[in-house]
Amino acid sequence: MPHFLAKTDPDTYSIDNLEREQQTVWDGVKNPQAVRTILEMRPGDRIFIYHSGGAPAVMGMAEVVSKGRPDPRNPKSAVVGLKFSQRLDPPTTLADIKKSKKFDDWALVRQGRLSTMRAPEEFVSWMRARYPKAKI
């Protein structure tokens, strides 16, 4: 099952919003590389929800509930349906990820402005080891 990472500015839409609403249409992505990634998403795929503002960190998990599709309001964008799965406590900070030295070639570390990306299997395994009781 593919895993992805989706960034959000917590002042705009946070894990708190997703948890409260339980389900949302993830939108606002404009970067062509990130749009292609959203269009790859299928129901059941797992998403790491990442806060990009403040102290950047992976805050929790979501699940894709409707496949990625073009945004009806913007033909250069894409949207996907997500539902809240769980919080990760404590969050995994970008500093933790960088300190591991395992993901220096991943877009999260290399392309700081990219909002949506695939998560490498090595990262998924690393996160499963950090959160053995979580559904990752």
C-alpha atoms as a PDB file:
ATOM      1  CA  MET A   1       0.000   0.000   0.000  1.00  0.00           C
ATOM      2  CA  PRO A   2       1.494   3.370  -0.966  1.00  0.00           C
ATOM      3  CA  HIS A   3       2.179   5.990   1.670  1.00  0.00           C
ATOM      4  CA  PHE A   4       2.322   9.711   1.045  1.00  0.00           C
ATOM      5  CA  LEU A   5       3.117  12.835   3.036  1.00  0.00           C
ATOM      6  CA  ALA A   6       0.878  15.906   2.813  1.00  0.00           C
ATOM      7  CA  LYS A   7       2.005  19.217   4.255  1.00  0.00           C
ATOM      8  CA  THR A   8      -0.313  21.801   5.690  1.00  0.00           C
ATOM      9  CA  ASP A   9       0.188  25.122   7.398  1.00  0.00           C
ATOM     10  CA  PRO A  10      -1.403  24.596  10.825  1.00  0.00           C
ATOM     11  CA  ASP A  11      -2.704  28.183  10.820  1.00  0.00           C
ATOM     12  CA  THR A  12      -4.688  27.362   7.668  1.00  0.00           C
ATOM     13  CA  TYR A  13      -5.725  23.735   8.271  1.00  0.00           C
ATOM     14  CA  SER A  14      -4.281  21.646  11.090  1.00  0.00           C
ATOM     15  CA  ILE A  15      -4.522  18.091  12.335  1.00  0.00           C
ATOM     16  CA  ASP A  16      -6.988  19.539  14.880  1.00  0.00           C
ATOM     17  CA  ASN A  17      -9.302  20.556  12.023  1.00  0.00           C
ATOM     18  CA  LEU A  18      -9.031  17.155  10.376  1.00  0.00           C
ATOM     19  CA  GLU A  19      -9.679  15.336  13.653  1.00  0.00           C
ATOM     20  CA  ARG A  20     -12.716  17.507  14.401  1.00  0.00           C
ATOM     21  CA  GLU A  21     -14.173  17.204  10.883  1.00  0.00           C
ATOM     22  CA  GLN A  22     -13.105  13.540  10.499  1.00  0.00           C
ATOM     23  CA  GLN A  23     -13.110  13.870   6.710  1.00  0.00           C
ATOM     24  CA  THR A  24     -12.094  16.562   4.216  1.00  0.00           C
ATOM     25  CA  VAL A  25     -11.308  17.296   0.612  1.00  0.00           C
ATOM     26  CA  TRP A  26      -7.585  18.056   0.539  1.00  0.00           C
ATOM     27  CA  ASP A  27      -7.109  20.938  -1.865  1.00  0.00           C
ATOM     28  CA  GLY A  28      -5.013  24.001  -2.565  1.00  0.00           C
ATOM     29  CA  VAL A  29      -2.088  22.127  -4.143  1.00  0.00           C
ATOM     30  CA  LYS A  30      -0.659  23.929  -7.169  1.00  0.00           C
ATOM     31  CA  ASN A  31       2.888  22.661  -7.679  1.00  0.00           C
ATOM     32  CA  PRO A  32       2.822  20.376 -10.776  1.00  0.00           C
ATOM     33  CA  GLN A  33       4.907  17.678  -9.058  1.00  0.00           C
ATOM     34  CA  ALA A  34       2.588  17.682  -6.009  1.00  0.00           C
ATOM     35  CA  VAL A  35      -0.510  17.666  -8.255  1.00  0.00           C
ATOM     36  CA  ARG A  36       0.797  14.539 -10.045  1.00  0.00           C
ATOM     37  CA  THR A  37       1.315  12.913  -6.642  1.00  0.00           C
ATOM     38  CA  ILE A  38      -2.275  13.644  -5.572  1.00  0.00           C
ATOM     39  CA  LEU A  39      -3.556  12.158  -8.824  1.00  0.00           C
ATOM     40  CA  GLU A  40      -1.733   8.899  -7.931  1.00  0.00           C
ATOM     41  CA  MET A  41      -3.622   8.512  -4.624  1.00  0.00           C
ATOM     42  CA  ARG A  42      -6.216   5.767  -4.284  1.00  0.00           C
ATOM     43  CA  PRO A  43      -8.660   4.778  -1.530  1.00  0.00           C
ATOM     44  CA  GLY A  44      -6.886   2.978   1.292  1.00  0.00           C
ATOM     45  CA  ASP A  45      -3.534   4.717   0.774  1.00  0.00           C
ATOM     46  CA  ARG A  46      -2.055   6.101   3.996  1.00  0.00           C
ATOM     47  CA  ILE A  47      -1.073   9.760   4.437  1.00  0.00           C
ATOM     48  CA  PHE A  48       1.361  11.278   6.925  1.00  0.00           C
ATOM     49  CA  ILE A  49      -0.072  14.682   7.899  1.00  0.00           C
ATOM     50  CA  TYR A  50       2.778  17.156   8.299  1.00  0.00           C
ATOM     51  CA  HIS A  51       2.589  20.626   9.838  1.00  0.00           C
ATOM     52  CA  SER A  52       4.913  22.908   7.900  1.00  0.00           C
ATOM     53  CA  GLY A  53       4.594  25.994  10.110  1.00  0.00           C
ATOM     54  CA  GLY A  54       5.981  26.551  13.580  1.00  0.00           C
ATOM     55  CA  ALA A  55       7.980  23.461  14.499  1.00  0.00           C
ATOM     56  CA  PRO A  56       7.680  21.327  11.333  1.00  0.00           C
ATOM     57  CA  ALA A  57       6.589  17.787  12.201  1.00  0.00           C
ATOM     58  CA  VAL A  58       4.591  14.732  11.196  1.00  0.00           C
ATOM     59  CA  MET A  59       1.521  15.137  13.397  1.00  0.00           C
ATOM     60  CA  GLY A  60      -0.688  12.196  12.480  1.00  0.00           C
ATOM     61  CA  MET A  61      -2.167   9.881   9.901  1.00  0.00           C
ATOM     62  CA  ALA A  62      -5.032  10.017   7.454  1.00  0.00           C
ATOM     63  CA  GLU A  63      -6.454   7.593   4.912  1.00  0.00           C
ATOM     64  CA  VAL A  64      -7.432   8.304   1.317  1.00  0.00           C
ATOM     65  CA  VAL A  65     -11.195   7.809   0.873  1.00  0.00           C
ATOM     66  CA  SER A  66     -11.631   9.025  -2.708  1.00  0.00           C
ATOM     67  CA  LYS A  67      -9.070   8.905  -5.475  1.00  0.00           C
ATOM     68  CA  GLY A  68      -7.101  11.947  -6.485  1.00  0.00           C
ATOM     69  CA  ARG A  69      -8.812  13.912  -9.231  1.00  0.00           C
ATOM     70  CA  PRO A  70      -8.580  17.273 -10.971  1.00  0.00           C
ATOM     71  CA  ASP A  71      -9.844  20.176  -8.891  1.00  0.00           C
ATOM     72  CA  PRO A  72     -13.136  21.315 -10.448  1.00  0.00           C
ATOM     73  CA  ARG A  73     -12.341  24.907  -9.425  1.00  0.00           C
ATOM     74  CA  ASN A  74      -8.799  24.977 -10.822  1.00  0.00           C
ATOM     75  CA  PRO A  75      -7.684  22.815 -13.765  1.00  0.00           C
ATOM     76  CA  LYS A  76      -4.027  23.181 -12.693  1.00  0.00           C
ATOM     77  CA  SER A  77      -4.727  21.699  -9.269  1.00  0.00           C
ATOM     78  CA  ALA A  78      -5.932  18.377  -7.834  1.00  0.00           C
ATOM     79  CA  VAL A  79      -7.940  17.260  -4.798  1.00  0.00           C
ATOM     80  CA  VAL A  80      -8.306  14.049  -2.822  1.00  0.00           C
ATOM     81  CA  GLY A  81     -10.690  12.905  -0.084  1.00  0.00           C
ATOM     82  CA  LEU A  82      -9.036  12.165   3.268  1.00  0.00           C
ATOM     83  CA  LYS A  83     -10.312  10.903   6.586  1.00  0.00           C
ATOM     84  CA  PHE A  84      -8.607  11.292   9.937  1.00  0.00           C
ATOM     85  CA  SER A  85      -6.951   8.155  11.308  1.00  0.00           C
ATOM     86  CA  GLN A  86      -4.916   9.159  14.352  1.00  0.00           C
ATOM     87  CA  ARG A  87      -2.437  11.513  15.932  1.00  0.00           C
ATOM     88  CA  LEU A  88       1.171  10.494  16.419  1.00  0.00           C
ATOM     89  CA  ASP A  89       2.316  11.330  19.928  1.00  0.00           C
ATOM     90  CA  PRO A  90       4.836  12.752  20.219  1.00  0.00           C
ATOM     91  CA  PRO A  91       5.027  14.195  16.703  1.00  0.00           C
ATOM     92  CA  THR A  92       8.097  13.358  14.623  1.00  0.00           C
ATOM     93  CA  THR A  93       9.865  16.625  13.912  1.00  0.00           C
ATOM     94  CA  LEU A  94      11.749  17.517  10.772  1.00  0.00           C
ATOM     95  CA  ALA A  95      14.809  17.785  13.027  1.00  0.00           C
ATOM     96  CA  ASP A  96      14.289  14.116  14.075  1.00  0.00           C
ATOM     97  CA  ILE A  97      14.015  13.091  10.428  1.00  0.00           C
ATOM     98  CA  LYS A  98      17.149  14.996   9.436  1.00  0.00           C
ATOM     99  CA  LYS A  99      19.069  13.775  12.488  1.00  0.00           C
ATOM    100  CA  SER A 100      18.472  10.168  11.424  1.00  0.00           C
ATOM    101  CA  LYS A 101      20.528  10.810   8.231  1.00  0.00           C
ATOM    102  CA  LYS A 102      18.390   8.121   6.542  1.00  0.00           C
ATOM    103  CA  PHE A 103      16.312  10.408   4.344  1.00  0.00           C
ATOM    104  CA  ASP A 104      18.727  13.024   3.002  1.00  0.00           C
ATOM    105  CA  ASP A 105      17.667  12.221  -0.578  1.00  0.00           C
ATOM    106  CA  TRP A 106      13.901  12.380   0.136  1.00  0.00           C
ATOM    107  CA  ALA A 107      11.918  15.359  -1.184  1.00  0.00           C
ATOM    108  CA  LEU A 108      10.863  16.291   2.379  1.00  0.00           C
ATOM    109  CA  VAL A 109      14.482  17.114   3.148  1.00  0.00           C
ATOM    110  CA  ARG A 110      15.647  18.200  -0.328  1.00  0.00           C
ATOM    111  CA  GLN A 111      12.598  20.155  -1.566  1.00  0.00           C
ATOM    112  CA  GLY A 112      11.313  22.074   1.419  1.00  0.00           C
ATOM    113  CA  ARG A 113       8.536  23.805  -0.539  1.00  0.00           C
ATOM    114  CA  LEU A 114       7.014  20.647  -2.064  1.00  0.00           C
ATOM    115  CA  SER A 115       3.651  20.135  -0.353  1.00  0.00           C
ATOM    116  CA  THR A 116       2.754  16.545  -1.273  1.00  0.00           C
ATOM    117  CA  MET A 117       5.023  13.587  -1.976  1.00  0.00           C
ATOM    118  CA  ARG A 118       5.363   9.836  -1.806  1.00  0.00           C
ATOM    119  CA  ALA A 119       6.852   8.536   1.418  1.00  0.00           C
ATOM    120  CA  PRO A 120       9.716   6.091   0.840  1.00  0.00           C
ATOM    121  CA  GLU A 121       9.215   2.594   2.231  1.00  0.00           C
ATOM    122  CA  GLU A 122      12.276   3.064   4.457  1.00  0.00           C
ATOM    123  CA  PHE A 123      10.552   6.060   6.077  1.00  0.00           C
ATOM    124  CA  VAL A 124       7.344   4.053   6.565  1.00  0.00           C
ATOM    125  CA  SER A 125       9.322   1.284   8.281  1.00  0.00           C
ATOM    126  CA  TRP A 126      11.192   3.824  10.416  1.00  0.00           C
ATOM    127  CA  MET A 127       7.907   5.413  11.506  1.00  0.00           C
ATOM    128  CA  ARG A 128       6.372   1.998  12.283  1.00  0.00           C
ATOM    129  CA  ALA A 129       9.339   1.314  14.571  1.00  0.00           C
ATOM    130  CA  ARG A 130       8.822   4.718  16.296  1.00  0.00           C
ATOM    131  CA  TYR A 131       5.094   4.100  16.773  1.00  0.00           C
ATOM    132  CA  PRO A 132       4.624   0.327  17.140  1.00  0.00           C
ATOM    133  CA  LYS A 133       0.967   0.661  18.229  1.00  0.00           C
ATOM    134  CA  ALA A 134      -0.014   3.101  15.467  1.00  0.00           C
ATOM    135  CA  LYS A 135      -1.772   2.142  12.246  1.00  0.00           C
ATOM    136  CA  ILE A 136       0.846   3.322   9.772  1.00  0.00           C
END
